[in-house]
């Protein structure tokens, strides 16, 4: 069985975040996507330090879905290099894990 992961992504605004979340859940690449509005990101881009308002997405998925999730997000994302970072889940409730796996396969 594939390992559960949480994928962190940022989007330029709520509309883009909603579009990404709908695509991921609809395509069964994520069982759930949480959208956290209005975060501030500070980063270096093309030699300059930038400060931007963004929206954070947390997608619950599995490691075997990551490659396709990454490809599909990049295909419709407005950023040249979107943040798509997966972290493994070190512990997860058994009922939630069951739901996660069922949501990604049925």
Protein backbone atom coordinates (compact mmCIF):
# COMPACT_ATOMS: atom_id res chain seq x y z
CA UNK A 1 0.00 0.00 0.00
CA UNK A 2 1.23 3.50 -0.84
CA UNK A 3 2.27 5.82 1.98
CA UNK A 4 0.00 8.73 2.94
CA UNK A 5 1.42 12.19 2.24
CA UNK A 6 0.44 15.81 2.72
CA UNK A 7 1.27 18.02 -0.25
CA UNK A 8 1.85 21.72 0.37
CA UNK A 9 1.14 24.04 -2.55
CA UNK A 10 0.67 27.77 -2.93
CA UNK A 11 -1.57 29.63 -5.37
CA UNK A 12 -1.78 33.26 -6.40
CA UNK A 13 -5.35 33.70 -5.15
CA UNK A 14 -8.45 31.94 -3.87
CA UNK A 15 -9.88 31.38 -7.35
CA UNK A 16 -6.78 29.52 -8.50
CA UNK A 17 -6.64 27.56 -5.23
CA UNK A 18 -10.28 26.47 -5.65
CA UNK A 19 -9.63 25.42 -9.26
CA UNK A 20 -6.62 23.34 -8.19
CA UNK A 21 -8.51 21.76 -5.27
CA UNK A 22 -11.49 20.85 -7.44
CA UNK A 23 -9.21 19.29 -10.07
CA UNK A 24 -7.24 17.26 -7.53
CA UNK A 25 -10.27 15.86 -5.70
CA UNK A 26 -12.20 15.33 -8.94
CA UNK A 27 -9.31 13.38 -10.49
CA UNK A 28 -8.83 11.34 -7.26
CA UNK A 29 -5.30 12.68 -6.89
CA UNK A 30 -6.20 14.01 -3.43
CA UNK A 31 -8.84 12.82 -0.99
CA UNK A 32 -9.13 16.26 0.59
CA UNK A 33 -7.64 19.70 -0.06
CA UNK A 34 -7.72 22.39 2.59
CA UNK A 35 -7.40 25.99 1.44
CA UNK A 36 -5.86 28.45 3.89
CA UNK A 37 -6.44 32.03 2.75
CA UNK A 38 -4.03 34.94 2.79
CA UNK A 39 -0.59 33.85 3.80
CA UNK A 40 2.49 35.97 3.20
CA UNK A 41 5.44 34.38 1.44
CA UNK A 42 8.95 35.82 1.38
CA UNK A 43 11.25 34.21 -1.16
CA UNK A 44 14.05 34.79 -3.63
CA UNK A 45 13.05 34.78 -7.29
CA UNK A 46 15.34 35.63 -10.20
CA UNK A 47 17.85 37.33 -7.92
CA UNK A 48 15.42 39.51 -5.97
CA UNK A 49 13.73 39.03 -2.62
CA UNK A 50 9.96 39.04 -3.09
CA UNK A 51 7.08 39.37 -0.63
CA UNK A 52 3.68 38.22 -1.91
CA UNK A 53 0.24 37.33 -0.59
CA UNK A 54 -0.65 33.77 -1.50
CA UNK A 55 -3.13 31.03 -0.64
CA UNK A 56 -1.87 27.76 0.88
CA UNK A 57 -3.29 24.38 -0.11
CA UNK A 58 -2.82 21.19 1.92
CA UNK A 59 -3.69 18.12 -0.14
CA UNK A 60 -4.05 14.69 1.47
CA UNK A 61 -2.87 12.00 -0.92
CA UNK A 62 -0.55 9.01 -1.24
CA UNK A 63 2.99 8.72 -2.55
CA UNK A 64 1.93 6.71 -5.62
CA UNK A 65 -0.26 9.65 -6.73
CA UNK A 66 2.44 12.32 -6.32
CA UNK A 67 3.96 12.19 -9.82
CA UNK A 68 0.58 12.61 -11.52
CA UNK A 69 -0.53 15.22 -8.96
CA UNK A 70 2.64 17.22 -9.64
CA UNK A 71 2.20 16.99 -13.42
CA UNK A 72 -1.49 17.99 -13.34
CA UNK A 73 -0.96 20.93 -10.97
CA UNK A 74 1.92 22.28 -13.07
CA UNK A 75 -0.21 21.97 -16.23
CA UNK A 76 -2.84 24.45 -14.97
CA UNK A 77 -0.93 26.55 -12.42
CA UNK A 78 -0.26 30.22 -13.13
CA UNK A 79 3.27 30.14 -11.67
CA UNK A 80 6.32 29.32 -13.74
CA UNK A 81 7.63 27.21 -10.83
CA UNK A 82 4.82 26.37 -8.41
CA UNK A 83 5.56 25.12 -4.92
CA UNK A 84 4.59 21.44 -4.73
CA UNK A 85 6.16 19.80 -1.66
CA UNK A 86 5.09 16.45 -0.23
CA UNK A 87 5.74 15.39 3.35
CA UNK A 88 5.21 11.84 4.63
CA UNK A 89 2.71 11.22 7.39
CA UNK A 90 4.54 9.70 10.35
CA UNK A 91 1.29 8.64 12.04
CA UNK A 92 -2.30 8.62 10.87
CA UNK A 93 -5.58 7.53 12.38
CA UNK A 94 -6.62 4.14 10.99
CA UNK A 95 -10.21 5.24 10.11
CA UNK A 96 -8.85 8.34 8.34
CA UNK A 97 -6.30 6.25 6.43
CA UNK A 98 -9.06 3.87 5.33
CA UNK A 99 -11.16 6.81 4.12
CA UNK A 100 -8.13 8.36 2.37
CA UNK A 101 -7.35 5.20 0.43
CA UNK A 102 -11.01 4.60 -0.48
CA UNK A 103 -11.37 8.20 -1.68
CA UNK A 104 -8.43 7.83 -4.04
CA UNK A 105 -9.50 4.52 -5.58
CA UNK A 106 -13.31 4.44 -5.92
